[in-house]
């Protein structure tokens, strides 16, 4: 999916529309990812660098750059809410990984 179109989709949601699954909350705690930072990345997706659309499951793999060697991946389901299925820290050369 084109990033700009996906950013436009995300712009329709407000903070109260963002819902974390219990799995995502546990993973964020375990992986030391701040849930407020996750919300801010979704509400202001200027750091969004890649979206992988899994049409069969209705999920989107979203990569948000933090630095050249660190990014976050969020798996999202978009409906009337933004459902965050899981959050992942990637601490390696993610740029090569995405190519």
PDB file of N, CA and C in Angstrom:
ATOM      1  N   UNK A   1       0.842  -1.179   0.000  1.00  0.00           N
ATOM      2  CA  UNK A   1       0.000   0.000   0.000  1.00  0.00           C
ATOM      3  C   UNK A   1       0.892   1.248   0.000  1.00  0.00           C
ATOM      4  N   UNK A   2       0.432   2.249  -0.665  1.00  0.00           N
ATOM      5  CA  UNK A   2       1.157   3.512  -0.729  1.00  0.00           C
ATOM      6  C   UNK A   2       1.116   4.203   0.632  1.00  0.00           C
ATOM      7  N   UNK A   3       2.262   4.688   1.061  1.00  0.00           N
ATOM      8  CA  UNK A   3       2.382   5.279   2.399  1.00  0.00           C
ATOM      9  C   UNK A   3       1.469   6.487   2.574  1.00  0.00           C
ATOM     10  N   UNK A   4       1.408   7.354   1.579  1.00  0.00           N
ATOM     11  CA  UNK A   4       0.581   8.566   1.710  1.00  0.00           C
ATOM     12  C   UNK A   4      -0.900   8.226   1.881  1.00  0.00           C
ATOM     13  N   UNK A   5      -1.367   7.223   1.163  1.00  0.00           N
ATOM     14  CA  UNK A   5      -2.766   6.801   1.322  1.00  0.00           C
ATOM     15  C   UNK A   5      -3.008   6.242   2.714  1.00  0.00           C
ATOM     16  N   UNK A   6      -2.035   5.493   3.214  1.00  0.00           N
ATOM     17  CA  UNK A   6      -2.184   4.924   4.551  1.00  0.00           C
ATOM     18  C   UNK A   6      -2.154   6.020   5.618  1.00  0.00           C
ATOM     19  N   UNK A   7      -1.291   7.000   5.443  1.00  0.00           N
ATOM     20  CA  UNK A   7      -1.248   8.134   6.374  1.00  0.00           C
ATOM     21  C   UNK A   7      -2.584   8.864   6.384  1.00  0.00           C
ATOM     22  N   UNK A   8      -3.180   8.974   5.203  1.00  0.00           N
ATOM     23  CA  UNK A   8      -4.493   9.610   5.103  1.00  0.00           C
ATOM     24  C   UNK A   8      -5.543   8.811   5.874  1.00  0.00           C
ATOM     25  N   UNK A   9      -5.484   7.478   5.765  1.00  0.00           N
ATOM     26  CA  UNK A   9      -6.400   6.619   6.535  1.00  0.00           C
ATOM     27  C   UNK A   9      -6.222   6.839   8.030  1.00  0.00           C
ATOM     28  N   UNK A  10      -4.965   6.899   8.471  1.00  0.00           N
ATOM     29  CA  UNK A  10      -4.690   7.078   9.895  1.00  0.00           C
ATOM     30  C   UNK A  10      -5.159   8.439  10.396  1.00  0.00           C
ATOM     31  N   UNK A  11      -5.140   9.444   9.537  1.00  0.00           N
ATOM     32  CA  UNK A  11      -5.523  10.794   9.956  1.00  0.00           C
ATOM     33  C   UNK A  11      -6.997  10.890  10.344  1.00  0.00           C
ATOM     34  N   UNK A  12      -7.781   9.911   9.983  1.00  0.00           N
ATOM     35  CA  UNK A  12      -9.213   9.904  10.324  1.00  0.00           C
ATOM     36  C   UNK A  12      -9.473   9.509  11.780  1.00  0.00           C
ATOM     37  N   UNK A  13      -8.476   8.983  12.440  1.00  0.00           N
ATOM     38  CA  UNK A  13      -8.644   8.483  13.798  1.00  0.00           C
ATOM     39  C   UNK A  13      -8.155   9.482  14.826  1.00  0.00           C
ATOM     40  N   UNK A  14      -8.778   9.444  15.994  1.00  0.00           N
ATOM     41  CA  UNK A  14      -8.397  10.276  17.132  1.00  0.00           C
ATOM     42  C   UNK A  14      -7.756   9.386  18.193  1.00  0.00           C
ATOM     43  N   UNK A  15      -7.178   9.999  19.206  1.00  0.00           N
ATOM     44  CA  UNK A  15      -6.485   9.240  20.252  1.00  0.00           C
ATOM     45  C   UNK A  15      -7.396   8.221  20.926  1.00  0.00           C
ATOM     46  N   UNK A  16      -8.647   8.585  21.156  1.00  0.00           N
ATOM     47  CA  UNK A  16      -9.578   7.659  21.811  1.00  0.00           C
ATOM     48  C   UNK A  16      -9.958   6.477  20.917  1.00  0.00           C
ATOM     49  N   UNK A  17      -9.613   6.522  19.634  1.00  0.00           N
ATOM     50  CA  UNK A  17      -9.889   5.429  18.706  1.00  0.00           C
ATOM     51  C   UNK A  17      -8.783   4.377  18.682  1.00  0.00           C
ATOM     52  N   UNK A  18      -7.709   4.613  19.413  1.00  0.00           N
ATOM     53  CA  UNK A  18      -6.581   3.680  19.414  1.00  0.00           C
ATOM     54  C   UNK A  18      -6.759   2.691  20.555  1.00  0.00           C
ATOM     55  N   UNK A  19      -6.764   1.397  20.203  1.00  0.00           N
ATOM     56  CA  UNK A  19      -6.992   0.326  21.174  1.00  0.00           C
ATOM     57  C   UNK A  19      -5.837  -0.660  21.108  1.00  0.00           C
ATOM     58  N   UNK A  20      -5.292  -0.992  22.261  1.00  0.00           N
ATOM     59  CA  UNK A  20      -4.230  -1.999  22.348  1.00  0.00           C
ATOM     60  C   UNK A  20      -4.836  -3.331  22.763  1.00  0.00           C
ATOM     61  N   UNK A  21      -4.448  -4.392  22.081  1.00  0.00           N
ATOM     62  CA  UNK A  21      -4.836  -5.720  22.551  1.00  0.00           C
ATOM     63  C   UNK A  21      -4.003  -6.019  23.795  1.00  0.00           C
ATOM     64  N   UNK A  22      -4.452  -6.979  24.583  1.00  0.00           N
ATOM     65  CA  UNK A  22      -3.678  -7.343  25.771  1.00  0.00           C
ATOM     66  C   UNK A  22      -2.303  -7.871  25.355  1.00  0.00           C
ATOM     67  N   UNK A  23      -2.251  -8.573  24.231  1.00  0.00           N
ATOM     68  CA  UNK A  23      -0.975  -9.069  23.716  1.00  0.00           C
ATOM     69  C   UNK A  23      -0.019  -7.906  23.432  1.00  0.00           C
ATOM     70  N   UNK A  24      -0.518  -6.854  22.783  1.00  0.00           N
ATOM     71  CA  UNK A  24       0.320  -5.693  22.453  1.00  0.00           C
ATOM     72  C   UNK A  24       0.819  -5.008  23.724  1.00  0.00           C
ATOM     73  N   UNK A  25      -0.036  -4.890  24.726  1.00  0.00           N
ATOM     74  CA  UNK A  25       0.384  -4.259  25.974  1.00  0.00           C
ATOM     75  C   UNK A  25       1.478  -5.074  26.666  1.00  0.00           C
ATOM     76  N   UNK A  26       1.316  -6.386  26.688  1.00  0.00           N
ATOM     77  CA  UNK A  26       2.321  -7.258  27.303  1.00  0.00           C
ATOM     78  C   UNK A  26       3.637  -7.177  26.538  1.00  0.00           C
ATOM     79  N   UNK A  27       3.564  -7.234  25.199  1.00  0.00           N
ATOM     80  CA  UNK A  27       4.774  -7.164  24.372  1.00  0.00           C
ATOM     81  C   UNK A  27       5.471  -5.816  24.536  1.00  0.00           C
ATOM     82  N   UNK A  28       4.705  -4.731  24.602  1.00  0.00           N
ATOM     83  CA  UNK A  28       5.301  -3.403  24.772  1.00  0.00           C
ATOM     84  C   UNK A  28       6.035  -3.320  26.106  1.00  0.00           C
ATOM     85  N   UNK A  29       5.437  -3.837  27.149  1.00  0.00           N
ATOM     86  CA  UNK A  29       6.075  -3.842  28.459  1.00  0.00           C
ATOM     87  C   UNK A  29       7.347  -4.686  28.426  1.00  0.00           C
ATOM     88  N   UNK A  30       7.239  -5.864  27.843  1.00  0.00           N
ATOM     89  CA  UNK A  30       8.392  -6.773  27.753  1.00  0.00           C
ATOM     90  C   UNK A  30       9.511  -6.190  26.901  1.00  0.00           C
ATOM     91  N   UNK A  31       9.162  -5.483  25.839  1.00  0.00           N
ATOM     92  CA  UNK A  31      10.146  -4.946  24.892  1.00  0.00           C
ATOM     93  C   UNK A  31      10.521  -3.502  25.197  1.00  0.00           C
ATOM     94  N   UNK A  32      10.024  -2.979  26.315  1.00  0.00           N
ATOM     95  CA  UNK A  32      10.336  -1.624  26.763  1.00  0.00           C
ATOM     96  C   UNK A  32       9.955  -0.572  25.717  1.00  0.00           C
ATOM     97  N   UNK A  33       8.732  -0.698  25.201  1.00  0.00           N
ATOM     98  CA  UNK A  33       8.194   0.263  24.230  1.00  0.00           C
ATOM     99  C   UNK A  33       7.112   1.081  24.929  1.00  0.00           C
ATOM    100  N   UNK A  34       7.220   2.386  24.855  1.00  0.00           N
ATOM    101  CA  UNK A  34       6.284   3.287  25.498  1.00  0.00           C
ATOM    102  C   UNK A  34       4.979   3.344  24.698  1.00  0.00           C
ATOM    103  N   UNK A  35       3.848   3.047  25.351  1.00  0.00           N
ATOM    104  CA  UNK A  35       2.557   3.033  24.657  1.00  0.00           C
ATOM    105  C   UNK A  35       2.154   4.427  24.177  1.00  0.00           C
ATOM    106  N   UNK A  36       2.541   5.464  24.914  1.00  0.00           N
ATOM    107  CA  UNK A  36       2.244   6.832  24.467  1.00  0.00           C
ATOM    108  C   UNK A  36       2.996   7.162  23.183  1.00  0.00           C
ATOM    109  N   UNK A  37       4.222   6.667  23.066  1.00  0.00           N
ATOM    110  CA  UNK A  37       4.991   6.879  21.840  1.00  0.00           C
ATOM    111  C   UNK A  37       4.322   6.169  20.662  1.00  0.00           C
ATOM    112  N   UNK A  38       3.800   4.979  20.908  1.00  0.00           N
ATOM    113  CA  UNK A  38       3.092   4.231  19.867  1.00  0.00           C
ATOM    114  C   UNK A  38       1.880   5.034  19.395  1.00  0.00           C
ATOM    115  N   UNK A  39       1.108   5.554  20.339  1.00  0.00           N
ATOM    116  CA  UNK A  39      -0.063   6.369  19.982  1.00  0.00           C
ATOM    117  C   UNK A  39       0.342   7.585  19.168  1.00  0.00           C
ATOM    118  N   UNK A  40       1.406   8.268  19.602  1.00  0.00           N
ATOM    119  CA  UNK A  40       1.849   9.471  18.887  1.00  0.00           C
ATOM    120  C   UNK A  40       2.327   9.145  17.475  1.00  0.00           C
ATOM    121  N   UNK A  41       2.995   8.008  17.317  1.00  0.00           N
ATOM    122  CA  UNK A  41       3.419   7.610  15.971  1.00  0.00           C
ATOM    123  C   UNK A  41       2.231   7.354  15.062  1.00  0.00           C
ATOM    124  N   UNK A  42       1.162   6.815  15.606  1.00  0.00           N
ATOM    125  CA  UNK A  42      -0.025   6.547  14.797  1.00  0.00           C
ATOM    126  C   UNK A  42      -0.777   7.841  14.490  1.00  0.00           C
ATOM    127  N   UNK A  43      -0.877   8.723  15.465  1.00  0.00           N
ATOM    128  CA  UNK A  43      -1.588   9.989  15.256  1.00  0.00           C
ATOM    129  C   UNK A  43      -0.808  10.956  14.381  1.00  0.00           C
ATOM    130  N   UNK A  44       0.520  10.898  14.442  1.00  0.00           N
ATOM    131  CA  UNK A  44       1.399  11.768  13.653  1.00  0.00           C
ATOM    132  C   UNK A  44       2.404  10.886  12.923  1.00  0.00           C
ATOM    133  N   UNK A  45       2.003  10.281  11.814  1.00  0.00           N
ATOM    134  CA  UNK A  45       2.830   9.246  11.177  1.00  0.00           C
ATOM    135  C   UNK A  45       3.950   9.750  10.260  1.00  0.00           C
ATOM    136  N   UNK A  46       4.597  10.863  10.625  1.00  0.00           N
ATOM    137  CA  UNK A  46       5.678  11.350   9.763  1.00  0.00           C
ATOM    138  C   UNK A  46       6.875  10.407   9.757  1.00  0.00           C
ATOM    139  N   UNK A  47       7.015   9.543  10.771  1.00  0.00           N
ATOM    140  CA  UNK A  47       8.125   8.590  10.820  1.00  0.00           C
ATOM    141  C   UNK A  47       7.797   7.265  10.126  1.00  0.00           C
ATOM    142  N   UNK A  48       6.587   7.147   9.594  1.00  0.00           N
ATOM    143  CA  UNK A  48       6.174   5.923   8.900  1.00  0.00           C
ATOM    144  C   UNK A  48       6.976   5.775   7.611  1.00  0.00           C
ATOM    145  N   UNK A  49       7.661   4.647   7.461  1.00  0.00           N
ATOM    146  CA  UNK A  49       8.525   4.481   6.294  1.00  0.00           C
ATOM    147  C   UNK A  49       8.109   3.324   5.387  1.00  0.00           C
ATOM    148  N   UNK A  50       7.280   2.416   5.917  1.00  0.00           N
ATOM    149  CA  UNK A  50       6.878   1.253   5.110  1.00  0.00           C
ATOM    150  C   UNK A  50       5.584   0.689   5.672  1.00  0.00           C
ATOM    151  N   UNK A  51       4.684   0.293   4.755  1.00  0.00           N
ATOM    152  CA  UNK A  51       3.443  -0.378   5.140  1.00  0.00           C
ATOM    153  C   UNK A  51       3.330  -1.642   4.317  1.00  0.00           C
ATOM    154  N   UNK A  52       3.149  -2.757   5.002  1.00  0.00           N
ATOM    155  CA  UNK A  52       2.946  -4.036   4.323  1.00  0.00           C
ATOM    156  C   UNK A  52       1.517  -4.463   4.591  1.00  0.00           C
ATOM    157  N   UNK A  53       0.755  -4.581   3.527  1.00  0.00           N
ATOM    158  CA  UNK A  53      -0.676  -4.878   3.599  1.00  0.00           C
ATOM    159  C   UNK A  53      -0.891  -6.388   3.506  1.00  0.00           C
ATOM    160  N   UNK A  54      -1.473  -6.975   4.542  1.00  0.00           N
ATOM    161  CA  UNK A  54      -1.840  -8.389   4.535  1.00  0.00           C
ATOM    162  C   UNK A  54      -3.346  -8.459   4.300  1.00  0.00           C
ATOM    163  N   UNK A  55      -3.750  -8.386   3.037  1.00  0.00           N
ATOM    164  CA  UNK A  55      -5.165  -8.315   2.679  1.00  0.00           C
ATOM    165  C   UNK A  55      -5.958  -9.530   3.155  1.00  0.00           C
ATOM    166  N   UNK A  56      -5.338 -10.686   3.173  1.00  0.00           N
ATOM    167  CA  UNK A  56      -6.045 -11.894   3.581  1.00  0.00           C
ATOM    168  C   UNK A  56      -6.485 -11.842   5.037  1.00  0.00           C
ATOM    169  N   UNK A  57      -5.722 -11.174   5.872  1.00  0.00           N
ATOM    170  CA  UNK A  57      -6.030 -11.118   7.298  1.00  0.00           C
ATOM    171  C   UNK A  57      -6.502  -9.741   7.742  1.00  0.00           C
ATOM    172  N   UNK A  58      -6.499  -8.764   6.845  1.00  0.00           N
ATOM    173  CA  UNK A  58      -6.954  -7.414   7.191  1.00  0.00           C
ATOM    174  C   UNK A  58      -6.008  -6.673   8.119  1.00  0.00           C
ATOM    175  N   UNK A  59      -4.743  -7.026   8.059  1.00  0.00           N
ATOM    176  CA  UNK A  59      -3.742  -6.415   8.930  1.00  0.00           C
ATOM    177  C   UNK A  59      -2.739  -5.616   8.119  1.00  0.00           C
ATOM    178  N   UNK A  60      -2.121  -4.657   8.808  1.00  0.00           N
ATOM    179  CA  UNK A  60      -1.089  -3.837   8.192  1.00  0.00           C
ATOM    180  C   UNK A  60       0.162  -3.886   9.066  1.00  0.00           C
ATOM    181  N   UNK A  61       1.281  -4.200   8.466  1.00  0.00           N
ATOM    182  CA  UNK A  61       2.571  -4.137   9.149  1.00  0.00           C
ATOM    183  C   UNK A  61       3.164  -2.770   8.880  1.00  0.00           C
ATOM    184  N   UNK A  62       3.305  -1.971   9.916  1.00  0.00           N
ATOM    185  CA  UNK A  62       3.758  -0.581   9.773  1.00  0.00           C
ATOM    186  C   UNK A  62       5.108  -0.400  10.449  1.00  0.00           C
ATOM    187  N   UNK A  63       6.051   0.161   9.710  1.00  0.00           N
ATOM    188  CA  UNK A  63       7.401   0.389  10.209  1.00  0.00           C
ATOM    189  C   UNK A  63       7.609   1.885  10.429  1.00  0.00           C
ATOM    190  N   UNK A  64       8.002   2.236  11.653  1.00  0.00           N
ATOM    191  CA  UNK A  64       8.251   3.624  12.025  1.00  0.00           C
ATOM    192  C   UNK A  64       9.729   3.778  12.379  1.00  0.00           C
ATOM    193  N   UNK A  65      10.444   4.624  11.650  1.00  0.00           N
ATOM    194  CA  UNK A  65      11.884   4.815  11.857  1.00  0.00           C
ATOM    195  C   UNK A  65      12.136   5.652  13.102  1.00  0.00           C
ATOM    196  N   UNK A  66      13.099   5.200  13.895  1.00  0.00           N
ATOM    197  CA  UNK A  66      13.563   5.976  15.036  1.00  0.00           C
ATOM    198  C   UNK A  66      14.976   6.489  14.774  1.00  0.00           C
ATOM    199  N   UNK A  67      15.776   5.691  14.077  1.00  0.00           N
ATOM    200  CA  UNK A  67      17.132   6.071  13.685  1.00  0.00           C
ATOM    201  C   UNK A  67      17.528   5.166  12.522  1.00  0.00           C
ATOM    202  N   UNK A  68      18.793   5.239  12.113  1.00  0.00           N
ATOM    203  CA  UNK A  68      19.235   4.403  10.993  1.00  0.00           C
ATOM    204  C   UNK A  68      19.249   2.921  11.331  1.00  0.00           C
ATOM    205  N   UNK A  69      19.381   2.597  12.611  1.00  0.00           N
ATOM    206  CA  UNK A  69      19.466   1.187  12.996  1.00  0.00           C
ATOM    207  C   UNK A  69      18.374   0.762  13.973  1.00  0.00           C
ATOM    208  N   UNK A  70      17.372   1.593  14.173  1.00  0.00           N
ATOM    209  CA  UNK A  70      16.315   1.269  15.128  1.00  0.00           C
ATOM    210  C   UNK A  70      14.968   1.713  14.571  1.00  0.00           C
ATOM    211  N   UNK A  71      14.021   0.791  14.582  1.00  0.00           N
ATOM    212  CA  UNK A  71      12.659   1.145  14.185  1.00  0.00           C
ATOM    213  C   UNK A  71      11.674   0.314  14.996  1.00  0.00           C
ATOM    214  N   UNK A  72      10.422   0.712  14.945  1.00  0.00           N
ATOM    215  CA  UNK A  72       9.338  -0.041  15.558  1.00  0.00           C
ATOM    216  C   UNK A  72       8.464  -0.594  14.446  1.00  0.00           C
ATOM    217  N   UNK A  73       7.972  -1.794  14.663  1.00  0.00           N
ATOM    218  CA  UNK A  73       6.966  -2.368  13.765  1.00  0.00           C
ATOM    219  C   UNK A  73       5.703  -2.559  14.585  1.00  0.00           C
ATOM    220  N   UNK A  74       4.590  -2.057  14.053  1.00  0.00           N
ATOM    221  CA  UNK A  74       3.291  -2.244  14.678  1.00  0.00           C
ATOM    222  C   UNK A  74       2.428  -3.016  13.699  1.00  0.00           C
ATOM    223  N   UNK A  75       1.710  -3.985  14.202  1.00  0.00           N
ATOM    224  CA  UNK A  75       0.725  -4.685  13.386  1.00  0.00           C
ATOM    225  C   UNK A  75      -0.631  -4.110  13.781  1.00  0.00           C
ATOM    226  N   UNK A  76      -1.316  -3.512  12.802  1.00  0.00           N
ATOM    227  CA  UNK A  76      -2.574  -2.810  13.038  1.00  0.00           C
ATOM    228  C   UNK A  76      -3.722  -3.437  12.268  1.00  0.00           C
ATOM    229  N   UNK A  77      -4.910  -3.332  12.848  1.00  0.00           N
ATOM    230  CA  UNK A  77      -6.150  -3.635  12.157  1.00  0.00           C
ATOM    231  C   UNK A  77      -6.967  -2.351  12.191  1.00  0.00           C
ATOM    232  N   UNK A  78      -7.408  -1.891  11.031  1.00  0.00           N
ATOM    233  CA  UNK A  78      -8.200  -0.664  10.952  1.00  0.00           C
ATOM    234  C   UNK A  78      -9.664  -1.007  10.742  1.00  0.00           C
ATOM    235  N   UNK A  79     -10.494  -0.514  11.626  1.00  0.00           N
ATOM    236  CA  UNK A  79     -11.952  -0.649  11.494  1.00  0.00           C
ATOM    237  C   UNK A  79     -12.511   0.673  11.999  1.00  0.00           C
ATOM    238  N   UNK A  80     -13.500   0.646  12.856  1.00  0.00           N
ATOM    239  CA  UNK A  80     -13.958   1.898  13.460  1.00  0.00           C
ATOM    240  C   UNK A  80     -12.929   2.393  14.470  1.00  0.00           C
ATOM    241  N   UNK A  81     -12.023   1.522  14.852  1.00  0.00           N
ATOM    242  CA  UNK A  81     -10.917   1.833  15.762  1.00  0.00           C
ATOM    243  C   UNK A  81      -9.606   1.396  15.107  1.00  0.00           C
ATOM    244  N   UNK A  82      -8.492   1.879  15.638  1.00  0.00           N
ATOM    245  CA  UNK A  82      -7.174   1.370  15.260  1.00  0.00           C
ATOM    246  C   UNK A  82      -6.819   0.346  16.333  1.00  0.00           C
ATOM    247  N   UNK A  83      -6.799  -0.903  15.965  1.00  0.00           N
ATOM    248  CA  UNK A  83      -6.493  -1.967  16.911  1.00  0.00           C
ATOM    249  C   UNK A  83      -5.031  -2.346  16.729  1.00  0.00           C
ATOM    250  N   UNK A  84      -4.267  -2.190  17.788  1.00  0.00           N
ATOM    251  CA  UNK A  84      -2.844  -2.521  17.749  1.00  0.00           C
ATOM    252  C   UNK A  84      -2.703  -3.952  18.238  1.00  0.00           C
ATOM    253  N   UNK A  85      -2.323  -4.839  17.320  1.00  0.00           N
ATOM    254  CA  UNK A  85      -2.233  -6.263  17.611  1.00  0.00           C
ATOM    255  C   UNK A  85      -0.934  -6.590  18.334  1.00  0.00           C
ATOM    256  N   UNK A  86       0.164  -6.017  17.876  1.00  0.00           N
ATOM    257  CA  UNK A  86       1.459  -6.223  18.526  1.00  0.00           C
ATOM    258  C   UNK A  86       2.407  -5.090  18.173  1.00  0.00           C
ATOM    259  N   UNK A  87       3.452  -4.960  18.976  1.00  0.00           N
ATOM    260  CA  UNK A  87       4.504  -3.969  18.738  1.00  0.00           C
ATOM    261  C   UNK A  87       5.849  -4.685  18.859  1.00  0.00           C
ATOM    262  N   UNK A  88       6.780  -4.307  17.971  1.00  0.00           N
ATOM    263  CA  UNK A  88       8.074  -4.983  17.907  1.00  0.00           C
ATOM    264  C   UNK A  88       9.174  -3.938  17.774  1.00  0.00           C
ATOM    265  N   UNK A  89      10.256  -4.120  18.527  1.00  0.00           N
ATOM    266  CA  UNK A  89      11.469  -3.314  18.384  1.00  0.00           C
ATOM    267  C   UNK A  89      12.370  -3.987  17.366  1.00  0.00           C
ATOM    268  N   UNK A  90      12.915  -3.239  16.441  1.00  0.00           N
ATOM    269  CA  UNK A  90      13.891  -3.785  15.493  1.00  0.00           C
ATOM    270  C   UNK A  90      15.176  -2.987  15.671  1.00  0.00           C
ATOM    271  N   UNK A  91      16.203  -3.667  16.182  1.00  0.00           N
ATOM    272  CA  UNK A  91      17.484  -3.018  16.488  1.00  0.00           C
ATOM    273  C   UNK A  91      18.583  -3.538  15.583  1.00  0.00           C
ATOM    274  N   UNK A  92      18.405  -3.391  14.314  1.00  0.00           N
ATOM    275  CA  UNK A  92      19.444  -3.774  13.358  1.00  0.00           C
ATOM    276  C   UNK A  92      19.244  -2.944  12.107  1.00  0.00           C
ATOM    277  N   UNK A  93      19.986  -3.216  11.110  1.00  0.00           N
ATOM    278  CA  UNK A  93      19.884  -2.425   9.890  1.00  0.00           C
ATOM    279  C   UNK A  93      18.563  -2.725   9.195  1.00  0.00           C
ATOM    280  N   UNK A  94      17.500  -2.078   9.646  1.00  0.00           N
ATOM    281  CA  UNK A  94      16.166  -2.332   9.111  1.00  0.00           C
ATOM    282  C   UNK A  94      16.044  -1.875   7.665  1.00  0.00           C
ATOM    283  N   UNK A  95      16.869  -0.945   7.247  1.00  0.00           N
ATOM    284  CA  UNK A  95      16.780  -0.457   5.867  1.00  0.00           C
ATOM    285  C   UNK A  95      17.092  -1.570   4.880  1.00  0.00           C
ATOM    286  N   UNK A  96      18.106  -2.354   5.169  1.00  0.00           N
ATOM    287  CA  UNK A  96      18.431  -3.491   4.296  1.00  0.00           C
ATOM    288  C   UNK A  96      17.369  -4.584   4.418  1.00  0.00           C
ATOM    289  N   UNK A  97      16.858  -4.766   5.626  1.00  0.00           N
ATOM    290  CA  UNK A  97      15.861  -5.787   5.867  1.00  0.00           C
ATOM    291  C   UNK A  97      14.593  -5.540   5.036  1.00  0.00           C
ATOM    292  N   UNK A  98      14.196  -4.290   4.871  1.00  0.00           N
ATOM    293  CA  UNK A  98      12.976  -3.954   4.142  1.00  0.00           C
ATOM    294  C   UNK A  98      13.122  -4.013   2.626  1.00  0.00           C
ATOM    295  N   UNK A  99      14.361  -4.049   2.126  1.00  0.00           N
ATOM    296  CA  UNK A  99      14.570  -4.068   0.679  1.00  0.00           C
ATOM    297  C   UNK A  99      14.353  -5.419   0.099  1.00  0.00           C
TER     298      UNK A  99
END
